[in-house]
Amino acid sequence: MAKEYIDSRLPLEYHPWPPFIPVGAKVLIMGTFPPGNHRWSMDFYYPNRTNDFWKICGLLFLGNPDALYDNERKCYKVDEIKALMTDRHIALNDTARVVRRLKGNASDKFLEIVEPVPLFELLSQMPDCHAVATTGEKAAGVIASLTDTEIPKMGTMVTADGLEIWRMPSTSRAYPLAIDLKAEYYARMFRHIGIL
């Protein structure tokens, strides 16, 4: 099968944020790549108001899916989010460092990964981290290729040299699963790791 033609004239887009690595991080949660900045409600990971990631964290850790959202300002509470991630020892990064948007949107389906994250270099900065959790199918595929492992089934993990590699449901609103059901997958993984 012929490889799909990629127009190299499309602009390269570089990841906007450094990895978020709190002291004692136990899990590294990885999406694919942020949406365009016109969709951001804050300057941090999972910035799109319609993404379920911070709602899942609010529900699981604070008992309220809207706990990390400022309804008046229509944005997430980035300082509270960073404090929560630090307290729960959750690191954040994405699986792509450099991409091309083939259709100009945030869909993983139309995202060419030009340069993946240097996963093992990143993990070397987190001596207590023995788990990576991906938030979606494309991110799971990138990690599988970097670790030479199979892509796990939804809500399960594979291991590679002592590293647990989890595949979680996508937190994109486009993924058709209710937030409470998505949260159940994340809760099982967090409990296994010992942070919930």
N, C-alpha and C. Protein backbone atom coordinates (compact mmCIF):
# COMPACT_ATOMS: atom_id res chain seq x y z
N MET A 1 0.85 -1.19 0.00
CA MET A 1 0.00 0.00 0.00
C MET A 1 0.89 1.24 0.00
N ALA A 2 0.62 2.17 -0.88
CA ALA A 2 1.44 3.38 -1.00
C ALA A 2 1.21 4.29 0.20
N LYS A 3 2.29 4.91 0.66
CA LYS A 3 2.20 5.85 1.76
C LYS A 3 1.48 7.12 1.29
N GLU A 4 0.60 7.62 2.14
CA GLU A 4 -0.13 8.83 1.79
C GLU A 4 0.84 9.99 1.61
N TYR A 5 0.62 10.79 0.57
CA TYR A 5 1.49 11.93 0.29
C TYR A 5 1.25 13.03 1.32
N ILE A 6 2.33 13.51 1.92
CA ILE A 6 2.25 14.62 2.87
C ILE A 6 2.90 15.83 2.22
N ASP A 7 2.20 16.93 2.17
CA ASP A 7 2.72 18.15 1.57
C ASP A 7 3.72 18.78 2.53
N SER A 8 4.99 18.73 2.17
CA SER A 8 6.04 19.25 3.05
C SER A 8 6.02 20.78 3.13
N ARG A 9 5.16 21.41 2.32
CA ARG A 9 5.04 22.87 2.42
C ARG A 9 4.14 23.28 3.57
N LEU A 10 3.40 22.33 4.13
CA LEU A 10 2.58 22.65 5.30
C LEU A 10 3.50 23.08 6.44
N PRO A 11 3.10 24.08 7.22
CA PRO A 11 4.01 24.57 8.28
C PRO A 11 4.21 23.55 9.39
N LEU A 12 5.41 23.58 9.96
CA LEU A 12 5.69 22.78 11.14
C LEU A 12 5.17 23.53 12.36
N GLU A 13 4.66 22.77 13.31
CA GLU A 13 4.19 23.36 14.56
C GLU A 13 4.93 22.69 15.70
N TYR A 14 5.49 23.51 16.59
CA TYR A 14 6.30 23.02 17.70
C TYR A 14 5.50 23.05 18.99
N HIS A 15 5.74 22.07 19.84
CA HIS A 15 4.97 21.99 21.10
C HIS A 15 5.19 23.26 21.92
N PRO A 16 4.10 23.84 22.45
CA PRO A 16 4.22 25.14 23.11
C PRO A 16 4.72 25.11 24.56
N TRP A 17 4.71 23.94 25.20
CA TRP A 17 5.04 23.92 26.64
C TRP A 17 6.12 22.91 26.96
N PRO A 18 6.90 23.20 28.00
CA PRO A 18 7.85 22.19 28.47
C PRO A 18 7.08 21.08 29.20
N PRO A 19 7.70 19.94 29.38
CA PRO A 19 7.04 18.90 30.19
C PRO A 19 6.75 19.43 31.59
N PHE A 20 5.63 19.01 32.15
CA PHE A 20 5.30 19.36 33.54
C PHE A 20 5.70 18.17 34.39
N ILE A 21 6.74 18.34 35.19
CA ILE A 21 7.29 17.22 35.96
C ILE A 21 7.37 17.61 37.44
N PRO A 22 6.36 17.25 38.23
CA PRO A 22 6.44 17.53 39.67
C PRO A 22 7.42 16.56 40.36
N VAL A 23 7.96 16.99 41.48
CA VAL A 23 8.84 16.13 42.26
C VAL A 23 8.07 14.87 42.66
N GLY A 24 8.69 13.72 42.50
CA GLY A 24 8.06 12.47 42.89
C GLY A 24 7.00 11.97 41.93
N ALA A 25 7.02 12.45 40.69
CA ALA A 25 6.00 12.03 39.71
C ALA A 25 5.95 10.52 39.61
N LYS A 26 4.72 9.98 39.66
CA LYS A 26 4.52 8.52 39.60
C LYS A 26 3.93 8.06 38.27
N VAL A 27 3.31 8.97 37.55
CA VAL A 27 2.73 8.63 36.25
C VAL A 27 2.93 9.81 35.31
N LEU A 28 3.20 9.50 34.05
CA LEU A 28 3.31 10.51 33.00
C LEU A 28 2.11 10.33 32.09
N ILE A 29 1.24 11.34 32.06
CA ILE A 29 0.06 11.29 31.22
C ILE A 29 0.36 12.04 29.93
N MET A 30 0.05 11.38 28.79
CA MET A 30 0.45 11.92 27.50
C MET A 30 -0.69 11.90 26.49
N GLY A 31 -1.00 13.08 25.97
CA GLY A 31 -1.89 13.18 24.83
C GLY A 31 -1.03 13.17 23.57
N THR A 32 -1.61 13.63 22.47
CA THR A 32 -0.86 13.66 21.22
C THR A 32 -0.20 15.03 21.02
N PHE A 33 -1.01 16.09 20.99
CA PHE A 33 -0.51 17.44 20.73
C PHE A 33 -1.64 18.40 21.03
N PRO A 34 -1.33 19.62 21.52
CA PRO A 34 -2.41 20.56 21.84
C PRO A 34 -3.16 21.03 20.59
N PRO A 35 -4.39 21.50 20.78
CA PRO A 35 -5.10 22.13 19.67
C PRO A 35 -4.45 23.47 19.34
N GLY A 36 -4.88 24.07 18.24
CA GLY A 36 -4.41 25.42 17.92
C GLY A 36 -4.72 26.38 19.05
N ASN A 37 -3.89 27.41 19.23
CA ASN A 37 -4.07 28.28 20.40
C ASN A 37 -5.36 29.09 20.37
N HIS A 38 -6.05 29.15 19.25
CA HIS A 38 -7.35 29.81 19.23
C HIS A 38 -8.39 29.02 20.04
N ARG A 39 -8.07 27.77 20.38
CA ARG A 39 -8.97 26.94 21.19
C ARG A 39 -8.58 26.88 22.67
N TRP A 40 -7.53 27.58 23.05
CA TRP A 40 -7.05 27.51 24.43
C TRP A 40 -7.90 28.36 25.37
N SER A 41 -8.15 27.82 26.55
CA SER A 41 -8.75 28.63 27.61
C SER A 41 -7.72 28.88 28.72
N MET A 42 -6.52 28.32 28.53
CA MET A 42 -5.39 28.56 29.44
C MET A 42 -4.13 28.15 28.70
N ASP A 43 -3.00 28.55 29.22
CA ASP A 43 -1.70 28.28 28.61
C ASP A 43 -1.06 27.08 29.31
N PHE A 44 -1.70 25.90 29.13
CA PHE A 44 -1.25 24.67 29.79
C PHE A 44 -1.91 23.48 29.12
N TYR A 45 -1.50 22.30 29.51
CA TYR A 45 -2.00 21.07 28.90
C TYR A 45 -3.52 20.94 28.97
N TYR A 46 -4.10 20.31 27.96
CA TYR A 46 -5.55 20.13 27.82
C TYR A 46 -6.28 21.46 27.99
N PRO A 47 -5.93 22.46 27.14
CA PRO A 47 -6.45 23.82 27.32
C PRO A 47 -7.85 24.06 26.77
N ASN A 48 -8.34 23.13 25.94
CA ASN A 48 -9.65 23.34 25.30
C ASN A 48 -10.77 23.17 26.32
N ARG A 49 -11.65 24.14 26.42
CA ARG A 49 -12.77 24.07 27.38
C ARG A 49 -13.62 22.83 27.18
N THR A 50 -13.70 22.33 25.95
CA THR A 50 -14.57 21.18 25.71
C THR A 50 -13.89 19.84 25.96
N ASN A 51 -12.58 19.85 26.26
CA ASN A 51 -11.89 18.59 26.56
C ASN A 51 -12.28 18.13 27.96
N ASP A 52 -12.41 16.83 28.14
CA ASP A 52 -12.89 16.27 29.42
C ASP A 52 -11.78 16.00 30.44
N PHE A 53 -10.50 16.21 30.09
CA PHE A 53 -9.45 15.78 31.00
C PHE A 53 -9.56 16.43 32.38
N TRP A 54 -9.70 17.76 32.43
CA TRP A 54 -9.75 18.42 33.74
C TRP A 54 -11.07 18.17 34.45
N LYS A 55 -12.11 17.88 33.70
CA LYS A 55 -13.38 17.48 34.33
C LYS A 55 -13.22 16.12 35.01
N ILE A 56 -12.53 15.20 34.34
CA ILE A 56 -12.26 13.88 34.93
C ILE A 56 -11.43 14.03 36.20
N CYS A 57 -10.38 14.86 36.16
CA CYS A 57 -9.55 15.08 37.35
C CYS A 57 -10.35 15.74 38.47
N GLY A 58 -11.19 16.71 38.13
CA GLY A 58 -12.03 17.35 39.14
C GLY A 58 -12.97 16.34 39.79
N LEU A 59 -13.57 15.50 38.98
CA LEU A 59 -14.49 14.48 39.48
C LEU A 59 -13.77 13.48 40.39
N LEU A 60 -12.63 12.97 39.95
CA LEU A 60 -11.94 11.93 40.70
C LEU A 60 -11.24 12.44 41.95
N PHE A 61 -10.60 13.59 41.86
CA PHE A 61 -9.79 14.06 42.98
C PHE A 61 -10.49 15.07 43.88
N LEU A 62 -11.51 15.76 43.35
CA LEU A 62 -12.18 16.82 44.11
C LEU A 62 -13.69 16.60 44.24
N GLY A 63 -14.20 15.54 43.61
CA GLY A 63 -15.62 15.22 43.74
C GLY A 63 -16.55 16.09 42.92
N ASN A 64 -16.00 16.90 42.01
CA ASN A 64 -16.82 17.82 41.23
C ASN A 64 -16.18 18.02 39.86
N PRO A 65 -16.86 17.64 38.77
CA PRO A 65 -16.24 17.78 37.45
C PRO A 65 -15.93 19.23 37.07
N ASP A 66 -16.56 20.20 37.72
CA ASP A 66 -16.34 21.61 37.39
C ASP A 66 -15.43 22.32 38.39
N ALA A 67 -14.81 21.57 39.30
CA ALA A 67 -13.99 22.17 40.36
C ALA A 67 -12.80 22.96 39.83
N LEU A 68 -12.28 22.59 38.67
CA LEU A 68 -11.08 23.24 38.13
C LEU A 68 -11.41 24.25 37.02
N TYR A 69 -12.68 24.57 36.89
CA TYR A 69 -13.11 25.49 35.83
C TYR A 69 -13.71 26.76 36.43
N ASP A 70 -13.29 27.91 35.92
CA ASP A 70 -13.83 29.20 36.34
C ASP A 70 -14.93 29.58 35.36
N ASN A 71 -16.16 29.37 35.76
CA ASN A 71 -17.30 29.59 34.87
C ASN A 71 -17.47 31.05 34.48
N GLU A 72 -17.15 31.97 35.37
CA GLU A 72 -17.29 33.39 35.07
C GLU A 72 -16.28 33.83 34.00
N ARG A 73 -15.04 33.38 34.14
CA ARG A 73 -14.00 33.78 33.20
C ARG A 73 -13.91 32.84 32.00
N LYS A 74 -14.66 31.74 32.03
CA LYS A 74 -14.68 30.76 30.93
C LYS A 74 -13.30 30.19 30.64
N CYS A 75 -12.59 29.81 31.71
CA CYS A 75 -11.27 29.21 31.55
C CYS A 75 -10.98 28.29 32.73
N TYR A 76 -9.99 27.45 32.56
CA TYR A 76 -9.57 26.58 33.65
C TYR A 76 -8.69 27.34 34.63
N LYS A 77 -8.65 26.85 35.86
CA LYS A 77 -7.87 27.46 36.94
C LYS A 77 -6.48 26.84 36.92
N VAL A 78 -5.59 27.41 36.13
CA VAL A 78 -4.30 26.79 35.86
C VAL A 78 -3.45 26.63 37.13
N ASP A 79 -3.49 27.59 38.04
CA ASP A 79 -2.68 27.45 39.26
C ASP A 79 -3.19 26.30 40.13
N GLU A 80 -4.51 26.16 40.23
CA GLU A 80 -5.09 25.05 41.00
C GLU A 80 -4.80 23.71 40.32
N ILE A 81 -4.82 23.70 39.01
CA ILE A 81 -4.51 22.49 38.25
C ILE A 81 -3.06 22.06 38.51
N LYS A 82 -2.13 22.99 38.42
CA LYS A 82 -0.72 22.66 38.65
C LYS A 82 -0.51 22.17 40.09
N ALA A 83 -1.19 22.80 41.04
CA ALA A 83 -1.07 22.38 42.45
C ALA A 83 -1.61 20.96 42.63
N LEU A 84 -2.74 20.66 41.98
CA LEU A 84 -3.33 19.32 42.08
C LEU A 84 -2.42 18.28 41.46
N MET A 85 -1.87 18.56 40.28
CA MET A 85 -0.98 17.61 39.62
C MET A 85 0.28 17.39 40.45
N THR A 86 0.78 18.45 41.07
CA THR A 86 1.95 18.33 41.94
C THR A 86 1.62 17.48 43.16
N ASP A 87 0.48 17.74 43.79
CA ASP A 87 0.06 17.00 44.98
C ASP A 87 -0.16 15.52 44.68
N ARG A 88 -0.68 15.22 43.50
CA ARG A 88 -0.98 13.83 43.12
C ARG A 88 0.16 13.16 42.36
N HIS A 89 1.26 13.85 42.17
CA HIS A 89 2.46 13.29 41.52
C HIS A 89 2.18 12.84 40.09
N ILE A 90 1.48 13.73 39.35
CA ILE A 90 1.13 13.44 37.96
C ILE A 90 1.92 14.38 37.04
N ALA A 91 2.74 13.78 36.17
CA ALA A 91 3.49 14.55 35.16
C ALA A 91 2.68 14.59 33.87
N LEU A 92 2.90 15.64 33.08
CA LEU A 92 2.18 15.82 31.82
C LEU A 92 3.14 16.17 30.69
N ASN A 93 2.91 15.57 29.55
CA ASN A 93 3.61 15.93 28.32
C ASN A 93 2.80 15.32 27.18
N ASP A 94 3.18 15.61 25.96
CA ASP A 94 2.50 15.01 24.82
C ASP A 94 3.49 14.14 24.06
N THR A 95 2.95 13.28 23.20
CA THR A 95 3.79 12.32 22.49
C THR A 95 4.48 12.92 21.27
N ALA A 96 4.05 14.09 20.83
CA ALA A 96 4.67 14.74 19.67
C ALA A 96 5.32 16.06 20.07
N ARG A 97 6.52 16.28 19.56
CA ARG A 97 7.20 17.56 19.75
C ARG A 97 6.97 18.49 18.58
N VAL A 98 6.94 17.90 17.37
CA VAL A 98 6.77 18.70 16.16
C VAL A 98 5.75 17.98 15.28
N VAL A 99 4.78 18.75 14.75
CA VAL A 99 3.72 18.16 13.92
C VAL A 99 3.43 19.04 12.70
N ARG A 100 2.67 18.46 11.77
CA ARG A 100 2.01 19.21 10.71
C ARG A 100 0.52 18.91 10.85
N ARG A 101 -0.30 19.96 10.78
CA ARG A 101 -1.75 19.78 10.76
C ARG A 101 -2.18 19.65 9.30
N LEU A 102 -2.61 18.48 8.93
CA LEU A 102 -2.92 18.22 7.52
C LEU A 102 -4.23 18.85 7.08
N LYS A 103 -5.14 19.10 8.03
CA LYS A 103 -6.43 19.72 7.71
C LYS A 103 -6.65 21.02 8.48
N GLY A 104 -5.64 21.46 9.22
CA GLY A 104 -5.77 22.72 9.95
C GLY A 104 -6.64 22.64 11.19
N ASN A 105 -6.91 21.41 11.67
CA ASN A 105 -7.74 21.30 12.88
C ASN A 105 -7.01 20.51 13.95
N ALA A 106 -7.69 20.22 15.05
CA ALA A 106 -7.06 19.54 16.18
C ALA A 106 -7.18 18.02 16.13
N SER A 107 -7.83 17.49 15.11
CA SER A 107 -8.06 16.05 15.03
C SER A 107 -6.75 15.27 14.90
N ASP A 108 -6.60 14.26 15.76
CA ASP A 108 -5.42 13.39 15.67
C ASP A 108 -5.34 12.70 14.31
N LYS A 109 -6.49 12.44 13.73
CA LYS A 109 -6.54 11.74 12.45
C LYS A 109 -5.78 12.50 11.37
N PHE A 110 -5.77 13.82 11.48
CA PHE A 110 -5.13 14.66 10.47
C PHE A 110 -3.88 15.36 11.02
N LEU A 111 -3.16 14.65 11.89
CA LEU A 111 -1.95 15.18 12.50
C LEU A 111 -0.78 14.29 12.09
N GLU A 112 0.19 14.87 11.38
CA GLU A 112 1.40 14.13 11.05
C GLU A 112 2.43 14.42 12.13
N ILE A 113 2.92 13.38 12.78
CA ILE A 113 3.95 13.56 13.80
C ILE A 113 5.30 13.56 13.11
N VAL A 114 5.94 14.72 13.10
CA VAL A 114 7.24 14.89 12.46
C VAL A 114 8.35 14.48 13.41
N GLU A 115 8.20 14.82 14.68
CA GLU A 115 9.20 14.46 15.69
C GLU A 115 8.49 14.04 16.97
N PRO A 116 8.63 12.77 17.37
CA PRO A 116 8.01 12.35 18.63
C PRO A 116 8.84 12.84 19.83
N VAL A 117 8.24 12.77 20.98
CA VAL A 117 8.92 13.14 22.21
C VAL A 117 10.06 12.15 22.48
N PRO A 118 11.17 12.61 23.07
CA PRO A 118 12.23 11.66 23.45
C PRO A 118 11.83 11.01 24.79
N LEU A 119 11.02 9.97 24.70
CA LEU A 119 10.36 9.39 25.87
C LEU A 119 11.34 8.98 26.97
N PHE A 120 12.38 8.26 26.62
CA PHE A 120 13.26 7.73 27.66
C PHE A 120 14.12 8.83 28.29
N GLU A 121 14.43 9.84 27.52
CA GLU A 121 15.12 11.01 28.09
C GLU A 121 14.20 11.71 29.09
N LEU A 122 12.94 11.80 28.74
CA LEU A 122 11.95 12.41 29.63
C LEU A 122 11.79 11.60 30.91
N LEU A 123 11.64 10.29 30.76
CA LEU A 123 11.46 9.42 31.93
C LEU A 123 12.69 9.41 32.83
N SER A 124 13.87 9.66 32.27
CA SER A 124 15.09 9.68 33.09
C SER A 124 15.07 10.83 34.10
N GLN A 125 14.21 11.82 33.86
CA GLN A 125 14.07 12.95 34.79
C GLN A 125 13.07 12.65 35.91
N MET A 126 12.45 11.46 35.86
CA MET A 126 11.41 11.09 36.83
C MET A 126 11.72 9.72 37.42
N PRO A 127 12.63 9.64 38.38
CA PRO A 127 13.04 8.34 38.88
C PRO A 127 11.94 7.52 39.56
N ASP A 128 10.89 8.18 40.04
CA ASP A 128 9.79 7.47 40.71
C ASP A 128 8.66 7.11 39.76
N CYS A 129 8.79 7.46 38.49
CA CYS A 129 7.72 7.23 37.51
C CYS A 129 7.95 5.91 36.79
N HIS A 130 6.99 5.00 36.96
CA HIS A 130 7.06 3.69 36.31
C HIS A 130 5.81 3.41 35.49
N ALA A 131 5.08 4.49 35.15
CA ALA A 131 3.85 4.32 34.37
C ALA A 131 3.68 5.49 33.42
N VAL A 132 3.26 5.16 32.20
CA VAL A 132 2.88 6.15 31.19
C VAL A 132 1.44 5.83 30.82
N ALA A 133 0.60 6.86 30.77
CA ALA A 133 -0.80 6.67 30.38
C ALA A 133 -1.11 7.60 29.22
N THR A 134 -1.61 7.03 28.13
CA THR A 134 -1.94 7.83 26.96
C THR A 134 -3.43 8.13 26.93
N THR A 135 -3.75 9.34 26.48
CA THR A 135 -5.15 9.78 26.42
C THR A 135 -5.64 9.75 24.98
N GLY A 136 -5.69 8.57 24.42
CA GLY A 136 -6.20 8.44 23.07
C GLY A 136 -5.42 7.45 22.23
N GLU A 137 -6.03 7.09 21.10
CA GLU A 137 -5.49 6.04 20.24
C GLU A 137 -4.18 6.43 19.57
N LYS A 138 -4.10 7.65 19.03
CA LYS A 138 -2.87 8.04 18.32
C LYS A 138 -1.70 8.13 19.29
N ALA A 139 -1.93 8.72 20.45
CA ALA A 139 -0.87 8.80 21.47
C ALA A 139 -0.42 7.40 21.87
N ALA A 140 -1.36 6.47 22.01
CA ALA A 140 -1.02 5.08 22.35
C ALA A 140 -0.15 4.46 21.26
N GLY A 141 -0.45 4.76 20.01
CA GLY A 141 0.34 4.23 18.91
C GLY A 141 1.76 4.78 18.90
N VAL A 142 1.91 6.06 19.22
CA VAL A 142 3.25 6.66 19.27
C VAL A 142 4.08 5.99 20.36
N ILE A 143 3.50 5.84 21.55
CA ILE A 143 4.24 5.22 22.66
C ILE A 143 4.57 3.77 22.35
N ALA A 144 3.64 3.06 21.72
CA ALA A 144 3.92 1.67 21.33
C ALA A 144 5.11 1.60 20.38
N SER A 145 5.19 2.54 19.44
CA SER A 145 6.31 2.52 18.49
C SER A 145 7.62 2.89 19.18
N LEU A 146 7.57 3.78 20.16
CA LEU A 146 8.80 4.19 20.87
C LEU A 146 9.30 3.11 21.82
N THR A 147 8.39 2.28 22.33
CA THR A 147 8.76 1.25 23.31
C THR A 147 8.78 -0.15 22.72
N ASP A 148 8.46 -0.25 21.43
CA ASP A 148 8.42 -1.54 20.74
C ASP A 148 7.48 -2.52 21.45
N THR A 149 6.28 -2.01 21.76
CA THR A 149 5.26 -2.83 22.42
C THR A 149 3.98 -2.81 21.59
N GLU A 150 3.06 -3.68 21.97
CA GLU A 150 1.73 -3.67 21.37
C GLU A 150 0.94 -2.51 21.95
N ILE A 151 -0.04 -2.03 21.20
CA ILE A 151 -0.96 -1.01 21.74
C ILE A 151 -1.93 -1.73 22.67
N PRO A 152 -2.00 -1.30 23.94
CA PRO A 152 -2.91 -1.98 24.86
C PRO A 152 -4.37 -1.73 24.49
N LYS A 153 -5.23 -2.63 24.92
CA LYS A 153 -6.66 -2.40 24.78
C LYS A 153 -7.07 -1.30 25.75
N MET A 154 -8.18 -0.66 25.45
CA MET A 154 -8.67 0.44 26.28
C MET A 154 -8.75 0.04 27.75
N GLY A 155 -8.15 0.85 28.60
CA GLY A 155 -8.21 0.63 30.04
C GLY A 155 -7.24 -0.42 30.56
N THR A 156 -6.37 -0.92 29.69
CA THR A 156 -5.41 -1.92 30.12
C THR A 156 -3.99 -1.42 29.88
N MET A 157 -3.03 -2.24 30.29
CA MET A 157 -1.63 -1.85 30.13
C MET A 157 -0.82 -3.00 29.58
N VAL A 158 0.32 -2.63 29.03
CA VAL A 158 1.37 -3.59 28.70
C VAL A 158 2.60 -3.13 29.47
N THR A 159 3.58 -4.00 29.61
CA THR A 159 4.81 -3.60 30.30
C THR A 159 6.00 -3.77 29.38
N ALA A 160 6.99 -2.91 29.61
CA ALA A 160 8.25 -2.95 28.87
C ALA A 160 9.37 -2.54 29.80
N ASP A 161 10.23 -3.47 30.16
CA ASP A 161 11.37 -3.18 31.04
C ASP A 161 10.94 -2.47 32.32
N GLY A 162 9.88 -2.96 32.94
CA GLY A 162 9.41 -2.39 34.21
C GLY A 162 8.53 -1.16 34.07
N LEU A 163 8.29 -0.69 32.85
CA LEU A 163 7.43 0.47 32.62
C LEU A 163 6.02 -0.01 32.26
N GLU A 164 5.03 0.46 33.00
CA GLU A 164 3.63 0.17 32.67
C GLU A 164 3.15 1.18 31.65
N ILE A 165 2.58 0.71 30.56
CA ILE A 165 2.09 1.60 29.49
C ILE A 165 0.58 1.38 29.38
N TRP A 166 -0.17 2.37 29.84
CA TRP A 166 -1.63 2.32 29.90
C TRP A 166 -2.24 3.04 28.71
N ARG A 167 -3.37 2.53 28.25
CA ARG A 167 -4.15 3.24 27.22
C ARG A 167 -5.49 3.62 27.83
N MET A 168 -5.71 4.91 27.94
CA MET A 168 -6.95 5.45 28.49
C MET A 168 -7.84 5.95 27.35
N PRO A 169 -9.12 6.14 27.63
CA PRO A 169 -9.98 6.72 26.59
C PRO A 169 -9.55 8.15 26.26
N SER A 170 -9.78 8.55 25.05
CA SER A 170 -9.54 9.94 24.67
C SER A 170 -10.40 10.85 25.52
N THR A 171 -9.82 11.98 25.92
CA THR A 171 -10.58 12.96 26.70
C THR A 171 -11.24 14.00 25.79
N SER A 172 -11.03 13.87 24.48
CA SER A 172 -11.69 14.77 23.54
C SER A 172 -13.20 14.57 23.61
N ARG A 173 -13.92 15.66 23.51
CA ARG A 173 -15.38 15.57 23.50
C ARG A 173 -15.86 14.80 22.27
N ALA A 174 -15.03 14.74 21.25
CA ALA A 174 -15.39 14.00 20.03
C ALA A 174 -15.44 12.48 20.27
N TYR A 175 -14.78 12.03 21.34
CA TYR A 175 -14.82 10.59 21.65
C TYR A 175 -16.12 10.29 22.37
N PRO A 176 -16.98 9.45 21.79
CA PRO A 176 -18.36 9.30 22.27
C PRO A 176 -18.51 8.37 23.48
N LEU A 177 -18.04 8.84 24.64
CA LEU A 177 -18.20 8.10 25.89
C LEU A 177 -18.50 9.12 26.98
N ALA A 178 -19.50 8.83 27.79
CA ALA A 178 -19.89 9.77 28.85
C ALA A 178 -18.73 10.01 29.81
N ILE A 179 -18.68 11.20 30.37
CA ILE A 179 -17.55 11.58 31.23
C ILE A 179 -17.42 10.66 32.44
N ASP A 180 -18.53 10.22 33.03
CA ASP A 180 -18.42 9.34 34.19
C ASP A 180 -17.84 7.98 33.81
N LEU A 181 -18.10 7.53 32.59
CA LEU A 181 -17.53 6.27 32.12
C LEU A 181 -16.05 6.43 31.80
N LYS A 182 -15.68 7.57 31.20
CA LYS A 182 -14.26 7.84 31.00
C LYS A 182 -13.54 7.87 32.35
N ALA A 183 -14.15 8.53 33.32
CA ALA A 183 -13.55 8.67 34.64
C ALA A 183 -13.31 7.31 35.30
N GLU A 184 -14.19 6.34 35.06
CA GLU A 184 -13.99 5.01 35.65
C GLU A 184 -12.70 4.37 35.16
N TYR A 185 -12.39 4.52 33.88
CA TYR A 185 -11.13 4.00 33.35
C TYR A 185 -9.94 4.65 34.06
N TYR A 186 -9.98 5.97 34.16
CA TYR A 186 -8.88 6.69 34.80
C TYR A 186 -8.77 6.34 36.28
N ALA A 187 -9.89 6.17 36.94
CA ALA A 187 -9.88 5.82 38.36
C ALA A 187 -9.19 4.48 38.59
N ARG A 188 -9.46 3.49 37.76
CA ARG A 188 -8.82 2.18 37.91
C ARG A 188 -7.31 2.29 37.75
N MET A 189 -6.88 3.07 36.78
CA MET A 189 -5.45 3.25 36.55
C MET A 189 -4.81 4.00 37.72
N PHE A 190 -5.43 5.09 38.17
CA PHE A 190 -4.88 5.86 39.29
C PHE A 190 -4.81 5.02 40.56
N ARG A 191 -5.84 4.20 40.80
CA ARG A 191 -5.83 3.33 42.00
C ARG A 191 -4.68 2.34 41.92
N HIS A 192 -4.49 1.75 40.76
CA HIS A 192 -3.41 0.78 40.56
C HIS A 192 -2.05 1.41 40.86
N ILE A 193 -1.87 2.64 40.43
CA ILE A 193 -0.60 3.35 40.62
C ILE A 193 -0.45 3.84 42.06
N GLY A 194 -1.58 3.98 42.75
CA GLY A 194 -1.55 4.40 44.16
C GLY A 194 -1.70 5.88 44.39
N ILE A 195 -2.37 6.58 43.46
CA ILE A 195 -2.56 8.02 43.66
C ILE A 195 -4.04 8.39 43.80
N LEU A 196 -4.89 7.41 43.96
CA LEU A 196 -6.31 7.69 44.19
C LEU A 196 -6.81 6.71 45.26
